Amino acid sequence: MKRILRLIVVMAITALVIFGSRWYTYVTNTDTPYQEVGIDINSRLPGPLNKWGCDQLHKTFGTMLPPAGCQSEADSRQWR
């Protein structure tokens, strides 16, 4: 039973590192804000992390239309 629990913990940490690094790379060092994987990860994150990611994207791509997850609720052509 200990082995299974240890395996699950290792897999969860590995997934967290992979998705976390992918998300961080998307919001800080990207050529376009329209990468599907980055948009999916960012839009599924809790509010504060999503907001921080959108703020980083807005700093870099403020003149472009916002990706899904960073759009204003009133107007999808505006950043949050």
PDB file of N, CA and C in Angstrom:
ATOM      1  N   MET A   1       0.815  -1.189   0.000  1.00  0.00           N
ATOM      2  CA  MET A   1       0.000   0.000   0.000  1.00  0.00           C
ATOM      3  C   MET A   1       0.862   1.258   0.000  1.00  0.00           C
ATOM      4  N   LYS A   2       1.988   1.221   0.725  1.00  0.00           N
ATOM      5  CA  LYS A   2       2.895   2.369   0.750  1.00  0.00           C
ATOM      6  C   LYS A   2       3.447   2.670  -0.639  1.00  0.00           C
ATOM      7  N   ARG A   3       3.741   1.616  -1.390  1.00  0.00           N
ATOM      8  CA  ARG A   3       4.301   1.792  -2.735  1.00  0.00           C
ATOM      9  C   ARG A   3       3.314   2.502  -3.652  1.00  0.00           C
ATOM     10  N   ILE A   4       2.061   2.135  -3.564  1.00  0.00           N
ATOM     11  CA  ILE A   4       1.034   2.749  -4.406  1.00  0.00           C
ATOM     12  C   ILE A   4       0.872   4.220  -4.042  1.00  0.00           C
ATOM     13  N   LEU A   5       0.824   4.500  -2.760  1.00  0.00           N
ATOM     14  CA  LEU A   5       0.700   5.882  -2.308  1.00  0.00           C
ATOM     15  C   LEU A   5       1.904   6.710  -2.755  1.00  0.00           C
ATOM     16  N   ARG A   6       3.089   6.164  -2.630  1.00  0.00           N
ATOM     17  CA  ARG A   6       4.303   6.856  -3.054  1.00  0.00           C
ATOM     18  C   ARG A   6       4.272   7.105  -4.571  1.00  0.00           C
ATOM     19  N   LEU A   7       3.832   6.125  -5.341  1.00  0.00           N
ATOM     20  CA  LEU A   7       3.733   6.271  -6.787  1.00  0.00           C
ATOM     21  C   LEU A   7       2.741   7.376  -7.157  1.00  0.00           C
ATOM     22  N   ILE A   8       1.612   7.409  -6.482  1.00  0.00           N
ATOM     23  CA  ILE A   8       0.610   8.450  -6.747  1.00  0.00           C
ATOM     24  C   ILE A   8       1.159   9.828  -6.420  1.00  0.00           C
ATOM     25  N   VAL A   9       1.861   9.961  -5.305  1.00  0.00           N
ATOM     26  CA  VAL A   9       2.447  11.248  -4.923  1.00  0.00           C
ATOM     27  C   VAL A   9       3.495  11.687  -5.943  1.00  0.00           C
ATOM     28  N   VAL A  10       4.345  10.779  -6.363  1.00  0.00           N
ATOM     29  CA  VAL A  10       5.377  11.105  -7.359  1.00  0.00           C
ATOM     30  C   VAL A  10       4.730  11.519  -8.680  1.00  0.00           C
ATOM     31  N   MET A  11       3.693  10.821  -9.096  1.00  0.00           N
ATOM     32  CA  MET A  11       3.011  11.170 -10.345  1.00  0.00           C
ATOM     33  C   MET A  11       2.341  12.534 -10.242  1.00  0.00           C
ATOM     34  N   ALA A  12       1.732  12.843  -9.095  1.00  0.00           N
ATOM     35  CA  ALA A  12       1.082  14.144  -8.910  1.00  0.00           C
ATOM     36  C   ALA A  12       2.107  15.272  -8.947  1.00  0.00           C
ATOM     37  N   ILE A  13       3.232  15.092  -8.285  1.00  0.00           N
ATOM     38  CA  ILE A  13       4.282  16.115  -8.290  1.00  0.00           C
ATOM     39  C   ILE A  13       4.846  16.301  -9.690  1.00  0.00           C
ATOM     40  N   THR A  14       5.053  15.219 -10.399  1.00  0.00           N
ATOM     41  CA  THR A  14       5.556  15.294 -11.769  1.00  0.00           C
ATOM     42  C   THR A  14       4.578  16.049 -12.671  1.00  0.00           C
ATOM     43  N   ALA A  15       3.302  15.750 -12.561  1.00  0.00           N
ATOM     44  CA  ALA A  15       2.289  16.448 -13.364  1.00  0.00           C
ATOM     45  C   ALA A  15       2.256  17.929 -13.016  1.00  0.00           C
ATOM     46  N   LEU A  16       2.356  18.246 -11.736  1.00  0.00           N
ATOM     47  CA  LEU A  16       2.365  19.640 -11.297  1.00  0.00           C
ATOM     48  C   LEU A  16       3.561  20.389 -11.883  1.00  0.00           C
ATOM     49  N   VAL A  17       4.721  19.777 -11.867  1.00  0.00           N
ATOM     50  CA  VAL A  17       5.926  20.411 -12.418  1.00  0.00           C
ATOM     51  C   VAL A  17       5.796  20.593 -13.923  1.00  0.00           C
ATOM     52  N   ILE A  18       5.313  19.592 -14.623  1.00  0.00           N
ATOM     53  CA  ILE A  18       5.193  19.678 -16.083  1.00  0.00           C
ATOM     54  C   ILE A  18       4.188  20.754 -16.484  1.00  0.00           C
ATOM     55  N   PHE A  19       2.979  20.702 -15.918  1.00  0.00           N
ATOM     56  CA  PHE A  19       1.962  21.685 -16.284  1.00  0.00           C
ATOM     57  C   PHE A  19       2.316  23.078 -15.767  1.00  0.00           C
ATOM     58  N   GLY A  20       2.909  23.148 -14.585  1.00  0.00           N
ATOM     59  CA  GLY A  20       3.312  24.440 -14.036  1.00  0.00           C
ATOM     60  C   GLY A  20       4.379  25.113 -14.877  1.00  0.00           C
ATOM     61  N   SER A  21       5.367  24.347 -15.302  1.00  0.00           N
ATOM     62  CA  SER A  21       6.421  24.939 -16.129  1.00  0.00           C
ATOM     63  C   SER A  21       5.892  25.303 -17.513  1.00  0.00           C
ATOM     64  N   ARG A  22       4.997  24.515 -18.041  1.00  0.00           N
ATOM     65  CA  ARG A  22       4.397  24.818 -19.349  1.00  0.00           C
ATOM     66  C   ARG A  22       3.580  26.109 -19.280  1.00  0.00           C
ATOM     67  N   TRP A  23       2.804  26.256 -18.204  1.00  0.00           N
ATOM     68  CA  TRP A  23       1.998  27.456 -18.013  1.00  0.00           C
ATOM     69  C   TRP A  23       2.882  28.680 -17.824  1.00  0.00           C
ATOM     70  N   TYR A  24       3.904  28.563 -16.974  1.00  0.00           N
ATOM     71  CA  TYR A  24       4.795  29.694 -16.710  1.00  0.00           C
ATOM     72  C   TYR A  24       5.515  30.129 -17.985  1.00  0.00           C
ATOM     73  N   THR A  25       5.945  29.170 -18.773  1.00  0.00           N
ATOM     74  CA  THR A  25       6.593  29.493 -20.050  1.00  0.00           C
ATOM     75  C   THR A  25       5.614  30.197 -20.978  1.00  0.00           C
ATOM     76  N   TYR A  26       4.378  29.770 -20.993  1.00  0.00           N
ATOM     77  CA  TYR A  26       3.365  30.385 -21.847  1.00  0.00           C
ATOM     78  C   TYR A  26       3.116  31.839 -21.463  1.00  0.00           C
ATOM     79  N   VAL A  27       2.949  32.127 -20.179  1.00  0.00           N
ATOM     80  CA  VAL A  27       2.574  33.484 -19.781  1.00  0.00           C
ATOM     81  C   VAL A  27       3.748  34.447 -19.730  1.00  0.00           C
ATOM     82  N   THR A  28       4.987  33.971 -19.688  1.00  0.00           N
ATOM     83  CA  THR A  28       6.124  34.877 -19.570  1.00  0.00           C
ATOM     84  C   THR A  28       7.011  34.946 -20.803  1.00  0.00           C
ATOM     85  N   ASN A  29       7.190  33.878 -21.521  1.00  0.00           N
ATOM     86  CA  ASN A  29       8.128  33.854 -22.642  1.00  0.00           C
ATOM     87  C   ASN A  29       7.491  33.211 -23.867  1.00  0.00           C
ATOM     88  N   THR A  30       6.652  33.953 -24.538  1.00  0.00           N
ATOM     89  CA  THR A  30       5.954  33.361 -25.677  1.00  0.00           C
ATOM     90  C   THR A  30       5.948  34.327 -26.850  1.00  0.00           C
ATOM     91  N   ASP A  31       5.755  33.785 -28.010  1.00  0.00           N
ATOM     92  CA  ASP A  31       5.694  34.611 -29.217  1.00  0.00           C
ATOM     93  C   ASP A  31       4.273  35.020 -29.547  1.00  0.00           C
ATOM     94  N   THR A  32       3.326  34.258 -29.057  1.00  0.00           N
ATOM     95  CA  THR A  32       1.921  34.530 -29.337  1.00  0.00           C
ATOM     96  C   THR A  32       1.065  34.154 -28.128  1.00  0.00           C
ATOM     97  N   PRO A  33       0.010  34.901 -27.847  1.00  0.00           N
ATOM     98  CA  PRO A  33      -0.855  34.531 -26.722  1.00  0.00           C
ATOM     99  C   PRO A  33      -1.892  33.484 -27.099  1.00  0.00           C
ATOM    100  N   TYR A  34      -1.838  32.959 -28.308  1.00  0.00           N
ATOM    101  CA  TYR A  34      -2.873  32.051 -28.800  1.00  0.00           C
ATOM    102  C   TYR A  34      -2.405  30.605 -28.905  1.00  0.00           C
ATOM    103  N   GLN A  35      -1.546  30.154 -27.990  1.00  0.00           N
ATOM    104  CA  GLN A  35      -1.123  28.761 -27.962  1.00  0.00           C
ATOM    105  C   GLN A  35      -2.180  27.952 -27.215  1.00  0.00           C
ATOM    106  N   GLU A  36      -2.710  26.937 -27.868  1.00  0.00           N
ATOM    107  CA  GLU A  36      -3.851  26.198 -27.324  1.00  0.00           C
ATOM    108  C   GLU A  36      -3.598  25.602 -25.945  1.00  0.00           C
ATOM    109  N   VAL A  37      -2.452  24.970 -25.769  1.00  0.00           N
ATOM    110  CA  VAL A  37      -2.170  24.315 -24.485  1.00  0.00           C
ATOM    111  C   VAL A  37      -2.070  25.356 -23.377  1.00  0.00           C
ATOM    112  N   GLY A  38      -1.387  26.456 -23.631  1.00  0.00           N
ATOM    113  CA  GLY A  38      -1.264  27.521 -22.642  1.00  0.00           C
ATOM    114  C   GLY A  38      -2.603  28.131 -22.291  1.00  0.00           C
ATOM    115  N   ILE A  39      -3.438  28.354 -23.286  1.00  0.00           N
ATOM    116  CA  ILE A  39      -4.772  28.907 -23.042  1.00  0.00           C
ATOM    117  C   ILE A  39      -5.590  27.948 -22.182  1.00  0.00           C
ATOM    118  N   ASP A  40      -5.539  26.651 -22.495  1.00  0.00           N
ATOM    119  CA  ASP A  40      -6.293  25.662 -21.717  1.00  0.00           C
ATOM    120  C   ASP A  40      -5.841  25.629 -20.265  1.00  0.00           C
ATOM    121  N   ILE A  41      -4.540  25.606 -20.053  1.00  0.00           N
ATOM    122  CA  ILE A  41      -4.030  25.552 -18.679  1.00  0.00           C
ATOM    123  C   ILE A  41      -4.409  26.822 -17.932  1.00  0.00           C
ATOM    124  N   ASN A  42      -4.165  27.989 -18.532  1.00  0.00           N
ATOM    125  CA  ASN A  42      -4.424  29.253 -17.856  1.00  0.00           C
ATOM    126  C   ASN A  42      -5.905  29.440 -17.545  1.00  0.00           C
ATOM    127  N   SER A  43      -6.775  29.056 -18.455  1.00  0.00           N
ATOM    128  CA  SER A  43      -8.203  29.272 -18.228  1.00  0.00           C
ATOM    129  C   SER A  43      -8.777  28.340 -17.155  1.00  0.00           C
ATOM    130  N   ARG A  44      -8.089  27.241 -16.853  1.00  0.00           N
ATOM    131  CA  ARG A  44      -8.568  26.294 -15.845  1.00  0.00           C
ATOM    132  C   ARG A  44      -7.985  26.553 -14.446  1.00  0.00           C
ATOM    133  N   LEU A  45      -7.036  27.457 -14.349  1.00  0.00           N
ATOM    134  CA  LEU A  45      -6.415  27.739 -13.055  1.00  0.00           C
ATOM    135  C   LEU A  45      -7.344  28.557 -12.158  1.00  0.00           C
ATOM    136  N   PRO A  46      -7.126  28.483 -10.842  1.00  0.00           N
ATOM    137  CA  PRO A  46      -7.934  29.302  -9.923  1.00  0.00           C
ATOM    138  C   PRO A  46      -7.744  30.795 -10.196  1.00  0.00           C
ATOM    139  N   GLY A  47      -8.707  31.592  -9.759  1.00  0.00           N
ATOM    140  CA  GLY A  47      -8.756  33.022 -10.033  1.00  0.00           C
ATOM    141  C   GLY A  47      -7.463  33.795  -9.912  1.00  0.00           C
ATOM    142  N   PRO A  48      -6.758  33.759  -8.769  1.00  0.00           N
ATOM    143  CA  PRO A  48      -5.544  34.560  -8.631  1.00  0.00           C
ATOM    144  C   PRO A  48      -4.435  34.164  -9.617  1.00  0.00           C
ATOM    145  N   LEU A  49      -4.265  32.859  -9.850  1.00  0.00           N
ATOM    146  CA  LEU A  49      -3.239  32.423 -10.810  1.00  0.00           C
ATOM    147  C   LEU A  49      -3.628  32.795 -12.238  1.00  0.00           C
ATOM    148  N   ASN A  50      -4.905  32.638 -12.558  1.00  0.00           N
ATOM    149  CA  ASN A  50      -5.392  33.027 -13.879  1.00  0.00           C
ATOM    150  C   ASN A  50      -5.203  34.524 -14.100  1.00  0.00           C
ATOM    151  N   LYS A  51      -5.520  35.322 -13.102  1.00  0.00           N
ATOM    152  CA  LYS A  51      -5.379  36.776 -13.211  1.00  0.00           C
ATOM    153  C   LYS A  51      -3.918  37.158 -13.413  1.00  0.00           C
ATOM    154  N   TRP A  52      -3.008  36.536 -12.653  1.00  0.00           N
ATOM    155  CA  TRP A  52      -1.597  36.835 -12.792  1.00  0.00           C
ATOM    156  C   TRP A  52      -1.112  36.465 -14.195  1.00  0.00           C
ATOM    157  N   GLY A  53      -1.537  35.301 -14.682  1.00  0.00           N
ATOM    158  CA  GLY A  53      -1.158  34.889 -16.036  1.00  0.00           C
ATOM    159  C   GLY A  53      -1.684  35.855 -17.086  1.00  0.00           C
ATOM    160  N   CYS A  54      -2.935  36.274 -16.926  1.00  0.00           N
ATOM    161  CA  CYS A  54      -3.518  37.225 -17.876  1.00  0.00           C
ATOM    162  C   CYS A  54      -2.806  38.577 -17.802  1.00  0.00           C
ATOM    163  N   ASP A  55      -2.427  38.996 -16.601  1.00  0.00           N
ATOM    164  CA  ASP A  55      -1.691  40.254 -16.456  1.00  0.00           C
ATOM    165  C   ASP A  55      -0.347  40.184 -17.176  1.00  0.00           C
ATOM    166  N   GLN A  56       0.339  39.054 -17.065  1.00  0.00           N
ATOM    167  CA  GLN A  56       1.623  38.892 -17.753  1.00  0.00           C
ATOM    168  C   GLN A  56       1.440  38.923 -19.268  1.00  0.00           C
ATOM    169  N   LEU A  57       0.408  38.239 -19.747  1.00  0.00           N
ATOM    170  CA  LEU A  57       0.127  38.247 -21.183  1.00  0.00           C
ATOM    171  C   LEU A  57      -0.247  39.646 -21.661  1.00  0.00           C
ATOM    172  N   HIS A  58      -1.009  40.366 -20.851  1.00  0.00           N
ATOM    173  CA  HIS A  58      -1.438  41.717 -21.224  1.00  0.00           C
ATOM    174  C   HIS A  58      -0.240  42.660 -21.317  1.00  0.00           C
ATOM    175  N   LYS A  59       0.746  42.496 -20.427  1.00  0.00           N
ATOM    176  CA  LYS A  59       1.961  43.317 -20.497  1.00  0.00           C
ATOM    177  C   LYS A  59       2.684  43.111 -21.831  1.00  0.00           C
ATOM    178  N   THR A  60       2.720  41.882 -22.282  1.00  0.00           N
ATOM    179  CA  THR A  60       3.454  41.549 -23.505  1.00  0.00           C
ATOM    180  C   THR A  60       2.628  41.793 -24.766  1.00  0.00           C
ATOM    181  N   PHE A  61       1.344  41.475 -24.718  1.00  0.00           N
ATOM    182  CA  PHE A  61       0.501  41.511 -25.907  1.00  0.00           C
ATOM    183  C   PHE A  61      -0.715  42.422 -25.729  1.00  0.00           C
ATOM    184  N   GLY A  62      -0.543  43.552 -25.093  1.00  0.00           N
ATOM    185  CA  GLY A  62      -1.651  44.451 -24.789  1.00  0.00           C
ATOM    186  C   GLY A  62      -2.383  45.004 -25.992  1.00  0.00           C
ATOM    187  N   THR A  63      -1.721  45.039 -27.148  1.00  0.00           N
ATOM    188  CA  THR A  63      -2.358  45.591 -28.338  1.00  0.00           C
ATOM    189  C   THR A  63      -3.136  44.541 -29.133  1.00  0.00           C
ATOM    190  N   MET A  64      -3.007  43.269 -28.757  1.00  0.00           N
ATOM    191  CA  MET A  64      -3.703  42.185 -29.461  1.00  0.00           C
ATOM    192  C   MET A  64      -4.988  41.828 -28.722  1.00  0.00           C
ATOM    193  N   LEU A  65      -5.869  41.098 -29.382  1.00  0.00           N
ATOM    194  CA  LEU A  65      -7.081  40.597 -28.731  1.00  0.00           C
ATOM    195  C   LEU A  65      -6.695  39.587 -27.655  1.00  0.00           C
ATOM    196  N   PRO A  66      -7.375  39.594 -26.528  1.00  0.00           N
ATOM    197  CA  PRO A  66      -7.024  38.661 -25.448  1.00  0.00           C
ATOM    198  C   PRO A  66      -7.413  37.225 -25.795  1.00  0.00           C
ATOM    199  N   PRO A  67      -6.623  36.263 -25.326  1.00  0.00           N
ATOM    200  CA  PRO A  67      -6.997  34.863 -25.535  1.00  0.00           C
ATOM    201  C   PRO A  67      -8.155  34.475 -24.619  1.00  0.00           C
ATOM    202  N   ALA A  68      -8.752  33.343 -24.893  1.00  0.00           N
ATOM    203  CA  ALA A  68      -9.839  32.843 -24.041  1.00  0.00           C
ATOM    204  C   ALA A  68      -9.330  32.705 -22.615  1.00  0.00           C
ATOM    205  N   GLY A  69     -10.148  33.084 -21.664  1.00  0.00           N
ATOM    206  CA  GLY A  69      -9.760  33.039 -20.266  1.00  0.00           C
ATOM    207  C   GLY A  69      -9.246  34.374 -19.755  1.00  0.00           C
ATOM    208  N   CYS A  70      -8.888  35.269 -20.660  1.00  0.00           N
ATOM    209  CA  CYS A  70      -8.398  36.606 -20.276  1.00  0.00           C
ATOM    210  C   CYS A  70      -9.312  37.706 -20.808  1.00  0.00           C
ATOM    211  N   GLN A  71     -10.443  37.314 -21.341  1.00  0.00           N
ATOM    212  CA  GLN A  71     -11.367  38.284 -21.923  1.00  0.00           C
ATOM    213  C   GLN A  71     -12.280  38.857 -20.847  1.00  0.00           C
ATOM    214  N   SER A  72     -12.635  40.102 -21.021  1.00  0.00           N
ATOM    215  CA  SER A  72     -13.588  40.751 -20.121  1.00  0.00           C
ATOM    216  C   SER A  72     -14.950  40.085 -20.293  1.00  0.00           C
ATOM    217  N   GLU A  73     -15.695  39.991 -19.214  1.00  0.00           N
ATOM    218  CA  GLU A  73     -17.022  39.377 -19.294  1.00  0.00           C
ATOM    219  C   GLU A  73     -17.989  40.239 -20.091  1.00  0.00           C
ATOM    220  N   ALA A  74     -17.806  41.547 -20.030  1.00  0.00           N
ATOM    221  CA  ALA A  74     -18.713  42.459 -20.747  1.00  0.00           C
ATOM    222  C   ALA A  74     -18.411  42.516 -22.247  1.00  0.00           C
ATOM    223  N   ASP A  75     -17.120  42.442 -22.597  1.00  0.00           N
ATOM    224  CA  ASP A  75     -16.717  42.587 -23.997  1.00  0.00           C
ATOM    225  C   ASP A  75     -15.553  41.637 -24.250  1.00  0.00           C
ATOM    226  N   SER A  76     -15.760  40.659 -25.117  1.00  0.00           N
ATOM    227  CA  SER A  76     -14.706  39.666 -25.370  1.00  0.00           C
ATOM    228  C   SER A  76     -13.514  40.231 -26.125  1.00  0.00           C
ATOM    229  N   ARG A  77     -13.589  41.489 -26.556  1.00  0.00           N
ATOM    230  CA  ARG A  77     -12.472  42.113 -27.253  1.00  0.00           C
ATOM    231  C   ARG A  77     -11.582  42.917 -26.299  1.00  0.00           C
ATOM    232  N   GLN A  78     -11.938  42.927 -25.015  1.00  0.00           N
ATOM    233  CA  GLN A  78     -11.190  43.685 -24.008  1.00  0.00           C
ATOM    234  C   GLN A  78     -10.499  42.734 -23.025  1.00  0.00           C
ATOM    235  N   TRP A  79      -9.342  43.133 -22.549  1.00  0.00           N
ATOM    236  CA  TRP A  79      -8.639  42.367 -21.506  1.00  0.00           C
ATOM    237  C   TRP A  79      -9.343  42.606 -20.182  1.00  0.00           C
ATOM    238  N   ARG A  80      -9.242  41.642 -19.286  1.00  0.00           N
ATOM    239  CA  ARG A  80      -9.786  41.805 -17.932  1.00  0.00           C
ATOM    240  C   ARG A  80      -9.036  42.856 -17.197  1.00  0.00           C
TER     241      ARG A  80
END
